[in-house]
Amino acid sequence: MSPFEREAVFLDLLEEAIKNNLTHGKLLRKIRKELLGFSQERYASLAGISRRTLSDVEQDKESITLTTLNRVFKPLGLRLGLLPRQTHMMQELLTNLTQHGEPNDHS
């Protein structure tokens, strides 16, 4: 898969997650396996967590903290946040971000 194809698949998966068609765990598993081809051990090491914790995240266990989820998604350049549920509000937010640009966040 070319870098452009990989990016397109990545964006499609993110869109499915935003539309609530994919849970955080299923999103992570698809990215890890299908796009990166990483084992749980390899990705867990990259994220600085245990393989068991990664497994729990991918299984959408309820005990996972926001801190852990952000740690798991950080290697992918992602972080969890609040998004409006109403479609029109989501569209307006994305339009505003596109028009004004999102400030750089180096955290």
Protein backbone atom coordinates (compact mmCIF):
# COMPACT_ATOMS: atom_id res chain seq x y z
CA MET A 1 0.00 0.00 0.00
CA SER A 2 1.40 3.40 -0.95
CA PRO A 3 1.66 6.20 1.62
CA PHE A 4 -1.24 7.98 -0.11
CA GLU A 5 -3.42 4.88 0.00
CA ARG A 6 -2.50 4.33 3.66
CA GLU A 7 -3.45 7.93 4.48
CA ALA A 8 -6.78 7.57 2.67
CA VAL A 9 -7.61 4.39 4.60
CA PHE A 10 -6.53 6.08 7.85
CA LEU A 11 -8.85 9.03 7.18
CA ASP A 12 -11.72 6.71 6.23
CA LEU A 13 -11.28 4.83 9.52
CA LEU A 14 -11.24 8.09 11.48
CA GLU A 15 -14.40 9.18 9.73
CA GLU A 16 -16.09 5.90 10.70
CA ALA A 17 -15.03 6.44 14.31
CA ILE A 18 -16.35 10.01 14.31
CA LYS A 19 -19.66 8.74 12.92
CA ASN A 20 -19.73 6.21 15.79
CA ASN A 21 -19.49 3.27 13.40
CA LEU A 22 -16.22 2.16 15.01
CA THR A 23 -15.34 2.12 18.69
CA HIS A 24 -11.96 3.43 19.84
CA GLY A 25 -10.80 -0.13 20.36
CA LYS A 26 -11.89 -1.35 16.93
CA LEU A 27 -10.33 1.73 15.32
CA LEU A 28 -7.02 1.11 17.04
CA ARG A 29 -7.02 -2.59 16.17
CA LYS A 30 -7.72 -1.89 12.48
CA ILE A 31 -4.98 0.73 12.29
CA ARG A 32 -2.49 -1.45 14.18
CA LYS A 33 -3.14 -4.61 12.16
CA GLU A 34 -4.27 -3.45 8.73
CA LEU A 35 -2.27 -0.27 8.22
CA LEU A 36 0.82 -0.81 10.34
CA GLY A 37 1.00 -4.60 10.40
CA PHE A 38 2.17 -4.44 14.02
CA SER A 39 1.71 -7.13 16.64
CA GLN A 40 0.20 -6.14 19.95
CA GLU A 41 3.61 -6.50 21.57
CA ARG A 42 5.28 -4.16 19.09
CA TYR A 43 2.57 -1.49 19.26
CA ALA A 44 2.32 -1.68 23.06
CA SER A 45 6.07 -1.11 23.29
CA LEU A 46 5.78 1.88 20.95
CA ALA A 47 2.97 3.36 23.06
CA GLY A 48 4.72 2.64 26.37
CA ILE A 49 2.01 0.36 27.74
CA SER A 50 1.69 -3.34 28.44
CA ARG A 51 0.35 -5.76 25.84
CA ARG A 52 -2.48 -6.57 28.24
CA THR A 53 -3.49 -2.91 28.47
CA LEU A 54 -3.46 -2.66 24.67
CA SER A 55 -5.63 -5.77 24.50
CA ASP A 56 -8.07 -4.21 26.98
CA VAL A 57 -8.24 -1.02 24.88
CA GLU A 58 -8.86 -2.99 21.68
CA GLN A 59 -11.63 -4.92 23.45
CA ASP A 60 -13.21 -1.63 24.62
CA LYS A 61 -13.02 -2.56 28.30
CA GLU A 62 -14.83 0.01 30.42
CA SER A 63 -12.00 0.42 32.92
CA ILE A 64 -9.66 2.17 30.45
CA THR A 65 -8.85 5.75 31.45
CA LEU A 66 -8.72 8.77 29.17
CA THR A 67 -5.01 9.07 29.96
CA THR A 68 -4.40 5.52 28.75
CA LEU A 69 -6.45 6.08 25.59
CA ASN A 70 -4.47 9.21 24.78
CA ARG A 71 -1.21 7.36 25.39
CA VAL A 72 -2.33 4.57 23.03
CA PHE A 73 -3.32 6.95 20.23
CA LYS A 74 -0.38 9.37 20.60
CA PRO A 75 1.98 7.37 18.29
CA LEU A 76 -0.66 7.81 15.57
CA GLY A 77 -0.77 11.58 16.04
CA LEU A 78 -4.24 11.36 17.57
CA ARG A 79 -5.81 12.41 20.82
CA LEU A 80 -9.30 11.99 22.17
CA GLY A 81 -11.52 15.02 22.42
CA LEU A 82 -15.03 16.30 22.59
CA LEU A 83 -17.05 16.46 19.41
CA PRO A 84 -20.62 17.62 18.96
CA ARG A 85 -23.17 14.89 18.30
CA GLN A 86 -25.35 17.03 16.07
CA THR A 87 -24.28 16.78 12.43
CA HIS A 88 -24.79 20.46 11.67
CA MET A 89 -22.64 21.47 14.63
CA MET A 90 -19.91 19.01 13.60
CA GLN A 91 -19.95 20.40 10.05
CA GLU A 92 -19.72 23.98 11.33
CA LEU A 93 -16.84 23.07 13.64
CA LEU A 94 -14.91 21.36 10.83
CA THR A 95 -15.60 24.28 8.49
CA ASN A 96 -14.33 26.74 11.09
CA LEU A 97 -11.20 24.69 11.72
CA THR A 98 -10.54 24.43 8.00
CA GLN A 99 -11.04 28.14 7.38
CA HIS A 100 -9.08 29.38 10.37
CA GLY A 101 -6.62 26.57 10.80
CA GLU A 102 -6.09 24.72 14.04
CA PRO A 103 -3.29 26.15 16.21
CA ASN A 104 -0.25 23.92 16.60
CA ASP A 105 -0.30 21.83 19.74
CA HIS A 106 3.05 20.54 20.83
CA SER A 107 1.84 18.73 23.92
